[in-house]
mmCIF file of all heavy atoms, coordinates in Angstrom:
data_MODEL
# 
_entry.id   MODEL 
# 
loop_
_atom_site.group_PDB 
_atom_site.id 
_atom_site.type_symbol 
_atom_site.label_atom_id 
_atom_site.label_alt_id 
_atom_site.label_comp_id 
_atom_site.label_asym_id 
_atom_site.label_entity_id 
_atom_site.label_seq_id 
_atom_site.pdbx_PDB_ins_code 
_atom_site.Cartn_x 
_atom_site.Cartn_y 
_atom_site.Cartn_z 
_atom_site.occupancy 
_atom_site.B_iso_or_equiv 
_atom_site.pdbx_formal_charge 
_atom_site.auth_seq_id 
_atom_site.auth_comp_id 
_atom_site.auth_asym_id 
_atom_site.auth_atom_id 
_atom_site.pdbx_PDB_model_num 
ATOM 1   N N   . GLY A 1 1  ? 5.314   -3.229  -13.417 1.00 0.00 ? 1  GLY A N   1 
ATOM 2   C CA  . GLY A 1 1  ? 5.963   -2.462  -12.359 1.00 0.00 ? 1  GLY A CA  1 
ATOM 3   C C   . GLY A 1 1  ? 5.028   -1.965  -11.272 1.00 0.00 ? 1  GLY A C   1 
ATOM 4   O O   . GLY A 1 1  ? 5.447   -1.219  -10.393 1.00 0.00 ? 1  GLY A O   1 
ATOM 5   N N   . ARG A 1 2  ? 3.787   -2.343  -11.315 1.00 0.00 ? 2  ARG A N   1 
ATOM 6   C CA  . ARG A 1 2  ? 2.819   -1.930  -10.288 1.00 0.00 ? 2  ARG A CA  1 
ATOM 7   C C   . ARG A 1 2  ? 2.299   -3.157  -9.537  1.00 0.00 ? 2  ARG A C   1 
ATOM 8   O O   . ARG A 1 2  ? 2.136   -4.222  -10.108 1.00 0.00 ? 2  ARG A O   1 
ATOM 9   C CB  . ARG A 1 2  ? 1.649   -1.176  -10.916 1.00 0.00 ? 2  ARG A CB  1 
ATOM 10  C CG  . ARG A 1 2  ? 2.082   0.127   -11.534 1.00 0.00 ? 2  ARG A CG  1 
ATOM 11  C CD  . ARG A 1 2  ? 0.907   0.873   -12.073 1.00 0.00 ? 2  ARG A CD  1 
ATOM 12  N NE  . ARG A 1 2  ? 1.366   2.102   -12.692 1.00 0.00 ? 2  ARG A NE  1 
ATOM 13  C CZ  . ARG A 1 2  ? 1.099   3.301   -12.224 1.00 0.00 ? 2  ARG A CZ  1 
ATOM 14  N NH1 . ARG A 1 2  ? 0.363   3.433   -11.143 1.00 0.00 ? 2  ARG A NH1 1 
ATOM 15  N NH2 . ARG A 1 2  ? 1.548   4.368   -12.836 1.00 0.00 ? 2  ARG A NH2 1 
ATOM 16  N N   . ARG A 1 3  ? 2.023   -2.962  -8.271  1.00 0.00 ? 3  ARG A N   1 
ATOM 17  C CA  . ARG A 1 3  ? 1.526   -4.056  -7.438  1.00 0.00 ? 3  ARG A CA  1 
ATOM 18  C C   . ARG A 1 3  ? 0.027   -4.227  -7.653  1.00 0.00 ? 3  ARG A C   1 
ATOM 19  O O   . ARG A 1 3  ? -0.730  -3.257  -7.640  1.00 0.00 ? 3  ARG A O   1 
ATOM 20  C CB  . ARG A 1 3  ? 1.803   -3.743  -5.965  1.00 0.00 ? 3  ARG A CB  1 
ATOM 21  C CG  . ARG A 1 3  ? 1.318   -4.830  -5.045  1.00 0.00 ? 3  ARG A CG  1 
ATOM 22  C CD  . ARG A 1 3  ? 1.609   -4.496  -3.616  1.00 0.00 ? 3  ARG A CD  1 
ATOM 23  N NE  . ARG A 1 3  ? 0.928   -5.449  -2.746  1.00 0.00 ? 3  ARG A NE  1 
ATOM 24  C CZ  . ARG A 1 3  ? 1.445   -5.948  -1.668  1.00 0.00 ? 3  ARG A CZ  1 
ATOM 25  N NH1 . ARG A 1 3  ? 2.652   -5.591  -1.301  1.00 0.00 ? 3  ARG A NH1 1 
ATOM 26  N NH2 . ARG A 1 3  ? 0.780   -6.796  -0.934  1.00 0.00 ? 3  ARG A NH2 1 
ATOM 27  N N   . VAL A 1 4  ? -0.386  -5.474  -7.862  1.00 0.00 ? 4  VAL A N   1 
ATOM 28  C CA  . VAL A 1 4  ? -1.800  -5.809  -8.011  1.00 0.00 ? 4  VAL A CA  1 
ATOM 29  C C   . VAL A 1 4  ? -2.154  -6.800  -6.916  1.00 0.00 ? 4  VAL A C   1 
ATOM 30  O O   . VAL A 1 4  ? -1.564  -7.878  -6.822  1.00 0.00 ? 4  VAL A O   1 
ATOM 31  C CB  . VAL A 1 4  ? -2.099  -6.420  -9.403  1.00 0.00 ? 4  VAL A CB  1 
ATOM 32  C CG1 . VAL A 1 4  ? -3.566  -6.800  -9.512  1.00 0.00 ? 4  VAL A CG1 1 
ATOM 33  C CG2 . VAL A 1 4  ? -1.696  -5.460  -10.504 1.00 0.00 ? 4  VAL A CG2 1 
ATOM 34  N N   . ASP A 1 5  ? -3.105  -6.427  -6.071  1.00 0.00 ? 5  ASP A N   1 
ATOM 35  C CA  . ASP A 1 5  ? -3.582  -7.299  -5.003  1.00 0.00 ? 5  ASP A CA  1 
ATOM 36  C C   . ASP A 1 5  ? -4.975  -7.804  -5.350  1.00 0.00 ? 5  ASP A C   1 
ATOM 37  O O   . ASP A 1 5  ? -5.816  -7.054  -5.855  1.00 0.00 ? 5  ASP A O   1 
ATOM 38  C CB  . ASP A 1 5  ? -3.648  -6.556  -3.668  1.00 0.00 ? 5  ASP A CB  1 
ATOM 39  C CG  . ASP A 1 5  ? -2.272  -6.281  -3.078  1.00 0.00 ? 5  ASP A CG  1 
ATOM 40  O OD1 . ASP A 1 5  ? -1.280  -6.841  -3.578  1.00 0.00 ? 5  ASP A OD1 1 
ATOM 41  O OD2 . ASP A 1 5  ? -2.191  -5.504  -2.101  1.00 0.00 ? 5  ASP A OD2 1 
ATOM 42  N N   . ILE A 1 6  ? -5.212  -9.073  -5.063  1.00 0.00 ? 6  ILE A N   1 
ATOM 43  C CA  . ILE A 1 6  ? -6.515  -9.684  -5.279  1.00 0.00 ? 6  ILE A CA  1 
ATOM 44  C C   . ILE A 1 6  ? -7.152  -9.900  -3.904  1.00 0.00 ? 6  ILE A C   1 
ATOM 45  O O   . ILE A 1 6  ? -6.559  -10.545 -3.038  1.00 0.00 ? 6  ILE A O   1 
ATOM 46  C CB  . ILE A 1 6  ? -6.421  -11.041 -6.010  1.00 0.00 ? 6  ILE A CB  1 
ATOM 47  C CG1 . ILE A 1 6  ? -5.595  -10.926 -7.287  1.00 0.00 ? 6  ILE A CG1 1 
ATOM 48  C CG2 . ILE A 1 6  ? -7.806  -11.609 -6.270  1.00 0.00 ? 6  ILE A CG2 1 
ATOM 49  C CD1 . ILE A 1 6  ? -6.191  -10.070 -8.359  1.00 0.00 ? 6  ILE A CD1 1 
ATOM 50  N N   . TYR A 1 7  ? -8.350  -9.367  -3.725  1.00 0.00 ? 7  TYR A N   1 
ATOM 51  C CA  . TYR A 1 7  ? -9.074  -9.481  -2.460  1.00 0.00 ? 7  TYR A CA  1 
ATOM 52  C C   . TYR A 1 7  ? -10.312 -10.340 -2.677  1.00 0.00 ? 7  TYR A C   1 
ATOM 53  O O   . TYR A 1 7  ? -10.915 -10.319 -3.743  1.00 0.00 ? 7  TYR A O   1 
ATOM 54  C CB  . TYR A 1 7  ? -9.515  -8.107  -1.960  1.00 0.00 ? 7  TYR A CB  1 
ATOM 55  C CG  . TYR A 1 7  ? -8.376  -7.185  -1.635  1.00 0.00 ? 7  TYR A CG  1 
ATOM 56  C CD1 . TYR A 1 7  ? -7.866  -6.312  -2.588  1.00 0.00 ? 7  TYR A CD1 1 
ATOM 57  C CD2 . TYR A 1 7  ? -7.810  -7.171  -0.370  1.00 0.00 ? 7  TYR A CD2 1 
ATOM 58  C CE1 . TYR A 1 7  ? -6.817  -5.462  -2.289  1.00 0.00 ? 7  TYR A CE1 1 
ATOM 59  C CE2 . TYR A 1 7  ? -6.764  -6.324  -0.054  1.00 0.00 ? 7  TYR A CE2 1 
ATOM 60  C CZ  . TYR A 1 7  ? -6.269  -5.473  -1.026  1.00 0.00 ? 7  TYR A CZ  1 
ATOM 61  O OH  . TYR A 1 7  ? -5.234  -4.634  -0.725  1.00 0.00 ? 7  TYR A OH  1 
ATOM 62  N N   . GLU A 1 8  ? -10.668 -11.095 -1.657  1.00 0.00 ? 8  GLU A N   1 
ATOM 63  C CA  . GLU A 1 8  ? -11.915 -11.850 -1.665  1.00 0.00 ? 8  GLU A CA  1 
ATOM 64  C C   . GLU A 1 8  ? -12.822 -11.281 -0.594  1.00 0.00 ? 8  GLU A C   1 
ATOM 65  O O   . GLU A 1 8  ? -12.376 -10.972 0.510   1.00 0.00 ? 8  GLU A O   1 
ATOM 66  C CB  . GLU A 1 8  ? -11.671 -13.334 -1.356  1.00 0.00 ? 8  GLU A CB  1 
ATOM 67  C CG  . GLU A 1 8  ? -11.531 -14.179 -2.570  1.00 0.00 ? 8  GLU A CG  1 
ATOM 68  C CD  . GLU A 1 8  ? -11.476 -15.668 -2.247  1.00 0.00 ? 8  GLU A CD  1 
ATOM 69  O OE1 . GLU A 1 8  ? -11.677 -16.078 -1.104  1.00 0.00 ? 8  GLU A OE1 1 
ATOM 70  O OE2 . GLU A 1 8  ? -11.203 -16.403 -3.188  1.00 0.00 ? 8  GLU A OE2 1 
ATOM 71  N N   . TYR A 1 9  ? -14.102 -11.149 -0.937  1.00 0.00 ? 9  TYR A N   1 
ATOM 72  C CA  . TYR A 1 9  ? -15.088 -10.697 0.037   1.00 0.00 ? 9  TYR A CA  1 
ATOM 73  C C   . TYR A 1 9  ? -16.389 -11.431 -0.226  1.00 0.00 ? 9  TYR A C   1 
ATOM 74  O O   . TYR A 1 9  ? -16.551 -12.082 -1.258  1.00 0.00 ? 9  TYR A O   1 
ATOM 75  C CB  . TYR A 1 9  ? -15.265 -9.175  -0.023  1.00 0.00 ? 9  TYR A CB  1 
ATOM 76  C CG  . TYR A 1 9  ? -15.779 -8.653  -1.341  1.00 0.00 ? 9  TYR A CG  1 
ATOM 77  C CD1 . TYR A 1 9  ? -17.142 -8.427  -1.535  1.00 0.00 ? 9  TYR A CD1 1 
ATOM 78  C CD2 . TYR A 1 9  ? -14.915 -8.390  -2.394  1.00 0.00 ? 9  TYR A CD2 1 
ATOM 79  C CE1 . TYR A 1 9  ? -17.611 -7.951  -2.734  1.00 0.00 ? 9  TYR A CE1 1 
ATOM 80  C CE2 . TYR A 1 9  ? -15.378 -7.919  -3.595  1.00 0.00 ? 9  TYR A CE2 1 
ATOM 81  C CZ  . TYR A 1 9  ? -16.732 -7.693  -3.767  1.00 0.00 ? 9  TYR A CZ  1 
ATOM 82  O OH  . TYR A 1 9  ? -17.202 -7.229  -4.955  1.00 0.00 ? 9  TYR A OH  1 
ATOM 83  N N   . GLU A 1 10 ? -17.293 -11.352 0.711   1.00 0.00 ? 10 GLU A N   1 
ATOM 84  C CA  . GLU A 1 10 ? -18.552 -12.084 0.606   1.00 0.00 ? 10 GLU A CA  1 
ATOM 85  C C   . GLU A 1 10 ? -19.712 -11.122 0.741   1.00 0.00 ? 10 GLU A C   1 
ATOM 86  O O   . GLU A 1 10 ? -19.694 -10.220 1.582   1.00 0.00 ? 10 GLU A O   1 
ATOM 87  C CB  . GLU A 1 10 ? -18.612 -13.150 1.710   1.00 0.00 ? 10 GLU A CB  1 
ATOM 88  C CG  . GLU A 1 10 ? -19.736 -14.122 1.564   1.00 0.00 ? 10 GLU A CG  1 
ATOM 89  C CD  . GLU A 1 10 ? -19.642 -15.276 2.556   1.00 0.00 ? 10 GLU A CD  1 
ATOM 90  O OE1 . GLU A 1 10 ? -18.956 -15.137 3.576   1.00 0.00 ? 10 GLU A OE1 1 
ATOM 91  O OE2 . GLU A 1 10 ? -20.269 -16.296 2.292   1.00 0.00 ? 10 GLU A OE2 1 
ATOM 92  N N   . ILE A 1 11 ? -20.723 -11.326 -0.101  1.00 0.00 ? 11 ILE A N   1 
ATOM 93  C CA  . ILE A 1 11 ? -21.935 -10.528 0.000   1.00 0.00 ? 11 ILE A CA  1 
ATOM 94  C C   . ILE A 1 11 ? -23.117 -11.468 0.256   1.00 0.00 ? 11 ILE A C   1 
ATOM 95  O O   . ILE A 1 11 ? -23.063 -12.646 -0.099  1.00 0.00 ? 11 ILE A O   1 
ATOM 96  C CB  . ILE A 1 11 ? -22.187 -9.684  -1.262  1.00 0.00 ? 11 ILE A CB  1 
ATOM 97  C CG1 . ILE A 1 11 ? -22.319 -10.566 -2.500  1.00 0.00 ? 11 ILE A CG1 1 
ATOM 98  C CG2 . ILE A 1 11 ? -21.086 -8.657  -1.458  1.00 0.00 ? 11 ILE A CG2 1 
ATOM 99  C CD1 . ILE A 1 11 ? -22.752 -9.807  -3.746  1.00 0.00 ? 11 ILE A CD1 1 
ATOM 100 N N   . GLY A 1 12 ? -24.144 -10.956 0.901   1.00 0.00 ? 12 GLY A N   1 
ATOM 101 C CA  . GLY A 1 12 ? -25.352 -11.746 1.135   1.00 0.00 ? 12 GLY A CA  1 
ATOM 102 C C   . GLY A 1 12 ? -25.279 -12.692 2.310   1.00 0.00 ? 12 GLY A C   1 
ATOM 103 O O   . GLY A 1 12 ? -26.081 -13.619 2.399   1.00 0.00 ? 12 GLY A O   1 
ATOM 104 N N   . ASN A 1 13 ? -24.344 -12.490 3.243   1.00 0.00 ? 13 ASN A N   1 
ATOM 105 C CA  . ASN A 1 13 ? -24.243 -13.384 4.400   1.00 0.00 ? 13 ASN A CA  1 
ATOM 106 C C   . ASN A 1 13 ? -24.013 -12.582 5.685   1.00 0.00 ? 13 ASN A C   1 
ATOM 107 O O   . ASN A 1 13 ? -23.178 -12.954 6.503   1.00 0.00 ? 13 ASN A O   1 
ATOM 108 C CB  . ASN A 1 13 ? -23.120 -14.403 4.199   1.00 0.00 ? 13 ASN A CB  1 
ATOM 109 C CG  . ASN A 1 13 ? -23.142 -15.499 5.239   1.00 0.00 ? 13 ASN A CG  1 
ATOM 110 O OD1 . ASN A 1 13 ? -24.166 -15.761 5.854   1.00 0.00 ? 13 ASN A OD1 1 
ATOM 111 N ND2 . ASN A 1 13 ? -22.018 -16.141 5.471   1.00 0.00 ? 13 ASN A ND2 1 
ATOM 112 N N   . GLU A 1 14 ? -24.740 -11.509 5.838   1.00 0.00 ? 14 GLU A N   1 
ATOM 113 C CA  . GLU A 1 14 ? -24.605 -10.715 7.060   1.00 0.00 ? 14 GLU A CA  1 
ATOM 114 C C   . GLU A 1 14 ? -25.244 -11.462 8.224   1.00 0.00 ? 14 GLU A C   1 
ATOM 115 O O   . GLU A 1 14 ? -26.184 -12.238 8.039   1.00 0.00 ? 14 GLU A O   1 
ATOM 116 C CB  . GLU A 1 14 ? -25.260 -9.350  6.879   1.00 0.00 ? 14 GLU A CB  1 
ATOM 117 C CG  . GLU A 1 14 ? -24.489 -8.473  5.913   1.00 0.00 ? 14 GLU A CG  1 
ATOM 118 C CD  . GLU A 1 14 ? -24.847 -7.009  6.051   1.00 0.00 ? 14 GLU A CD  1 
ATOM 119 O OE1 . GLU A 1 14 ? -25.415 -6.624  7.087   1.00 0.00 ? 14 GLU A OE1 1 
ATOM 120 O OE2 . GLU A 1 14 ? -24.554 -6.265  5.117   1.00 0.00 ? 14 GLU A OE2 1 
ATOM 121 N N   . PRO A 1 15 ? -24.745 -11.241 9.449   1.00 0.00 ? 15 PRO A N   1 
ATOM 122 C CA  . PRO A 1 15 ? -25.371 -11.871 10.611  1.00 0.00 ? 15 PRO A CA  1 
ATOM 123 C C   . PRO A 1 15 ? -26.841 -11.484 10.697  1.00 0.00 ? 15 PRO A C   1 
ATOM 124 O O   . PRO A 1 15 ? -27.201 -10.339 10.445  1.00 0.00 ? 15 PRO A O   1 
ATOM 125 C CB  . PRO A 1 15 ? -24.592 -11.293 11.794  1.00 0.00 ? 15 PRO A CB  1 
ATOM 126 C CG  . PRO A 1 15 ? -23.307 -10.815 11.228  1.00 0.00 ? 15 PRO A CG  1 
ATOM 127 C CD  . PRO A 1 15 ? -23.600 -10.416 9.811   1.00 0.00 ? 15 PRO A CD  1 
ATOM 128 N N   . SER A 1 16 ? -27.705 -12.438 11.028  1.00 0.00 ? 16 SER A N   1 
ATOM 129 C CA  . SER A 1 16 ? -29.138 -12.186 11.064  1.00 0.00 ? 16 SER A CA  1 
ATOM 130 C C   . SER A 1 16 ? -29.773 -12.850 12.276  1.00 0.00 ? 16 SER A C   1 
ATOM 131 O O   . SER A 1 16 ? -29.847 -14.080 12.358  1.00 0.00 ? 16 SER A O   1 
ATOM 132 C CB  . SER A 1 16 ? -29.794 -12.717 9.785   1.00 0.00 ? 16 SER A CB  1 
ATOM 133 O OG  . SER A 1 16 ? -31.199 -12.645 9.878   1.00 0.00 ? 16 SER A OG  1 
ATOM 134 N N   . ALA A 1 17 ? -30.251 -12.025 13.189  1.00 0.00 ? 17 ALA A N   1 
ATOM 135 C CA  . ALA A 1 17 ? -30.959 -12.556 14.364  1.00 0.00 ? 17 ALA A CA  1 
ATOM 136 C C   . ALA A 1 17 ? -32.267 -13.207 13.933  1.00 0.00 ? 17 ALA A C   1 
ATOM 137 O O   . ALA A 1 17 ? -32.688 -14.218 14.508  1.00 0.00 ? 17 ALA A O   1 
ATOM 138 C CB  . ALA A 1 17 ? -31.216 -11.442 15.370  1.00 0.00 ? 17 ALA A CB  1 
ATOM 139 N N   . GLY A 1 18 ? -32.913 -12.667 12.919  1.00 0.00 ? 18 GLY A N   1 
ATOM 140 C CA  . GLY A 1 18 ? -34.178 -13.230 12.431  1.00 0.00 ? 18 GLY A CA  1 
ATOM 141 C C   . GLY A 1 18 ? -34.012 -14.639 11.912  1.00 0.00 ? 18 GLY A C   1 
ATOM 142 O O   . GLY A 1 18 ? -34.810 -15.527 12.231  1.00 0.00 ? 18 GLY A O   1 
ATOM 143 N N   . ARG A 1 19 ? -32.973 -14.854 11.094  1.00 0.00 ? 19 ARG A N   1 
ATOM 144 C CA  . ARG A 1 19 ? -32.712 -16.213 10.595  1.00 0.00 ? 19 ARG A CA  1 
ATOM 145 C C   . ARG A 1 19 ? -32.361 -17.147 11.731  1.00 0.00 ? 19 ARG A C   1 
ATOM 146 O O   . ARG A 1 19 ? -32.797 -18.299 11.761  1.00 0.00 ? 19 ARG A O   1 
ATOM 147 C CB  . ARG A 1 19 ? -31.568 -16.203 9.569   1.00 0.00 ? 19 ARG A CB  1 
ATOM 148 C CG  . ARG A 1 19 ? -31.950 -15.706 8.215   1.00 0.00 ? 19 ARG A CG  1 
ATOM 149 C CD  . ARG A 1 19 ? -30.946 -16.029 7.110   1.00 0.00 ? 19 ARG A CD  1 
ATOM 150 N NE  . ARG A 1 19 ? -29.578 -16.255 7.480   1.00 0.00 ? 19 ARG A NE  1 
ATOM 151 C CZ  . ARG A 1 19 ? -28.581 -15.399 7.292   1.00 0.00 ? 19 ARG A CZ  1 
ATOM 152 N NH1 . ARG A 1 19 ? -28.808 -14.220 6.761   1.00 0.00 ? 19 ARG A NH1 1 
ATOM 153 N NH2 . ARG A 1 19 ? -27.352 -15.707 7.638   1.00 0.00 ? 19 ARG A NH2 1 
ATOM 154 N N   . ALA A 1 20 ? -31.575 -16.657 12.698  1.00 0.00 ? 20 ALA A N   1 
ATOM 155 C CA  . ALA A 1 20 ? -31.169 -17.499 13.826  1.00 0.00 ? 20 ALA A CA  1 
ATOM 156 C C   . ALA A 1 20 ? -32.389 -17.910 14.658  1.00 0.00 ? 20 ALA A C   1 
ATOM 157 O O   . ALA A 1 20 ? -32.508 -19.076 15.054  1.00 0.00 ? 20 ALA A O   1 
ATOM 158 C CB  . ALA A 1 20 ? -30.161 -16.760 14.694  1.00 0.00 ? 20 ALA A CB  1 
ATOM 159 N N   . ILE A 1 21 ? -33.291 -16.963 14.915  1.00 0.00 ? 21 ILE A N   1 
ATOM 160 C CA  . ILE A 1 21 ? -34.506 -17.285 15.675  1.00 0.00 ? 21 ILE A CA  1 
ATOM 161 C C   . ILE A 1 21 ? -35.351 -18.292 14.913  1.00 0.00 ? 21 ILE A C   1 
ATOM 162 O O   . ILE A 1 21 ? -35.869 -19.260 15.489  1.00 0.00 ? 21 ILE A O   1 
ATOM 163 C CB  . ILE A 1 21 ? -35.303 -16.001 15.987  1.00 0.00 ? 21 ILE A CB  1 
ATOM 164 C CG1 . ILE A 1 21 ? -34.534 -15.160 17.010  1.00 0.00 ? 21 ILE A CG1 1 
ATOM 165 C CG2 . ILE A 1 21 ? -36.706 -16.332 16.497  1.00 0.00 ? 21 ILE A CG2 1 
ATOM 166 C CD1 . ILE A 1 21 ? -35.094 -13.760 17.211  1.00 0.00 ? 21 ILE A CD1 1 
ATOM 167 N N   . GLY A 1 22 ? -35.478 -18.095 13.602  1.00 0.00 ? 22 GLY A N   1 
ATOM 168 C CA  . GLY A 1 22 ? -36.255 -19.045 12.787  1.00 0.00 ? 22 GLY A CA  1 
ATOM 169 C C   . GLY A 1 22 ? -35.675 -20.444 12.854  1.00 0.00 ? 22 GLY A C   1 
ATOM 170 O O   . GLY A 1 22 ? -36.408 -21.427 13.020  1.00 0.00 ? 22 GLY A O   1 
ATOM 171 N N   . HIS A 1 23 ? -34.347 -20.560 12.740  1.00 0.00 ? 23 HIS A N   1 
ATOM 172 C CA  . HIS A 1 23 ? -33.708 -21.879 12.831  1.00 0.00 ? 23 HIS A CA  1 
ATOM 173 C C   . HIS A 1 23 ? -33.897 -22.467 14.231  1.00 0.00 ? 23 HIS A C   1 
ATOM 174 O O   . HIS A 1 23 ? -34.151 -23.666 14.372  1.00 0.00 ? 23 HIS A O   1 
ATOM 175 C CB  . HIS A 1 23 ? -32.211 -21.784 12.515  1.00 0.00 ? 23 HIS A CB  1 
ATOM 176 C CG  . HIS A 1 23 ? -31.906 -21.569 11.073  1.00 0.00 ? 23 HIS A CG  1 
ATOM 177 N ND1 . HIS A 1 23 ? -32.275 -22.452 10.087  1.00 0.00 ? 23 HIS A ND1 1 
ATOM 178 C CD2 . HIS A 1 23 ? -31.257 -20.562 10.439  1.00 0.00 ? 23 HIS A CD2 1 
ATOM 179 C CE1 . HIS A 1 23 ? -31.858 -22.004 8.911   1.00 0.00 ? 23 HIS A CE1 1 
ATOM 180 N NE2 . HIS A 1 23 ? -31.239 -20.852 9.102   1.00 0.00 ? 23 HIS A NE2 1 
ATOM 181 N N   . GLY A 1 24 ? -33.784 -21.637 15.254  1.00 0.00 ? 24 GLY A N   1 
ATOM 182 C CA  . GLY A 1 24 ? -33.960 -22.126 16.630  1.00 0.00 ? 24 GLY A CA  1 
ATOM 183 C C   . GLY A 1 24 ? -35.359 -22.662 16.865  1.00 0.00 ? 24 GLY A C   1 
ATOM 184 O O   . GLY A 1 24 ? -35.545 -23.718 17.485  1.00 0.00 ? 24 GLY A O   1 
ATOM 185 N N   . VAL A 1 25 ? -36.366 -21.942 16.380  1.00 0.00 ? 25 VAL A N   1 
ATOM 186 C CA  . VAL A 1 25 ? -37.761 -22.389 16.534  1.00 0.00 ? 25 VAL A CA  1 
ATOM 187 C C   . VAL A 1 25 ? -37.968 -23.709 15.801  1.00 0.00 ? 25 VAL A C   1 
ATOM 188 O O   . VAL A 1 25 ? -38.585 -24.644 16.338  1.00 0.00 ? 25 VAL A O   1 
ATOM 189 C CB  . VAL A 1 25 ? -38.732 -21.298 16.023  1.00 0.00 ? 25 VAL A CB  1 
ATOM 190 C CG1 . VAL A 1 25 ? -40.148 -21.833 15.889  1.00 0.00 ? 25 VAL A CG1 1 
ATOM 191 C CG2 . VAL A 1 25 ? -38.706 -20.085 16.944  1.00 0.00 ? 25 VAL A CG2 1 
ATOM 192 N N   . MET A 1 26 ? -37.443 -23.792 14.581  1.00 0.00 ? 26 MET A N   1 
ATOM 193 C CA  . MET A 1 26 ? -37.592 -25.044 13.829  1.00 0.00 ? 26 MET A CA  1 
ATOM 194 C C   . MET A 1 26 ? -36.855 -26.194 14.513  1.00 0.00 ? 26 MET A C   1 
ATOM 195 O O   . MET A 1 26 ? -37.346 -27.331 14.507  1.00 0.00 ? 26 MET A O   1 
ATOM 196 C CB  . MET A 1 26 ? -37.083 -24.863 12.396  1.00 0.00 ? 26 MET A CB  1 
ATOM 197 C CG  . MET A 1 26 ? -37.959 -23.966 11.547  1.00 0.00 ? 26 MET A CG  1 
ATOM 198 S SD  . MET A 1 26 ? -39.661 -24.568 11.408  1.00 0.00 ? 26 MET A SD  1 
ATOM 199 C CE  . MET A 1 26 ? -39.411 -26.056 10.480  1.00 0.00 ? 26 MET A CE  1 
# 
């Protein structure tokens, strides 16, 4: 008799200027 919701989320993938610069240089 109770509602159960399933949520999906992601960890470890925040936007990163440092990674982007590294990929750009490479």
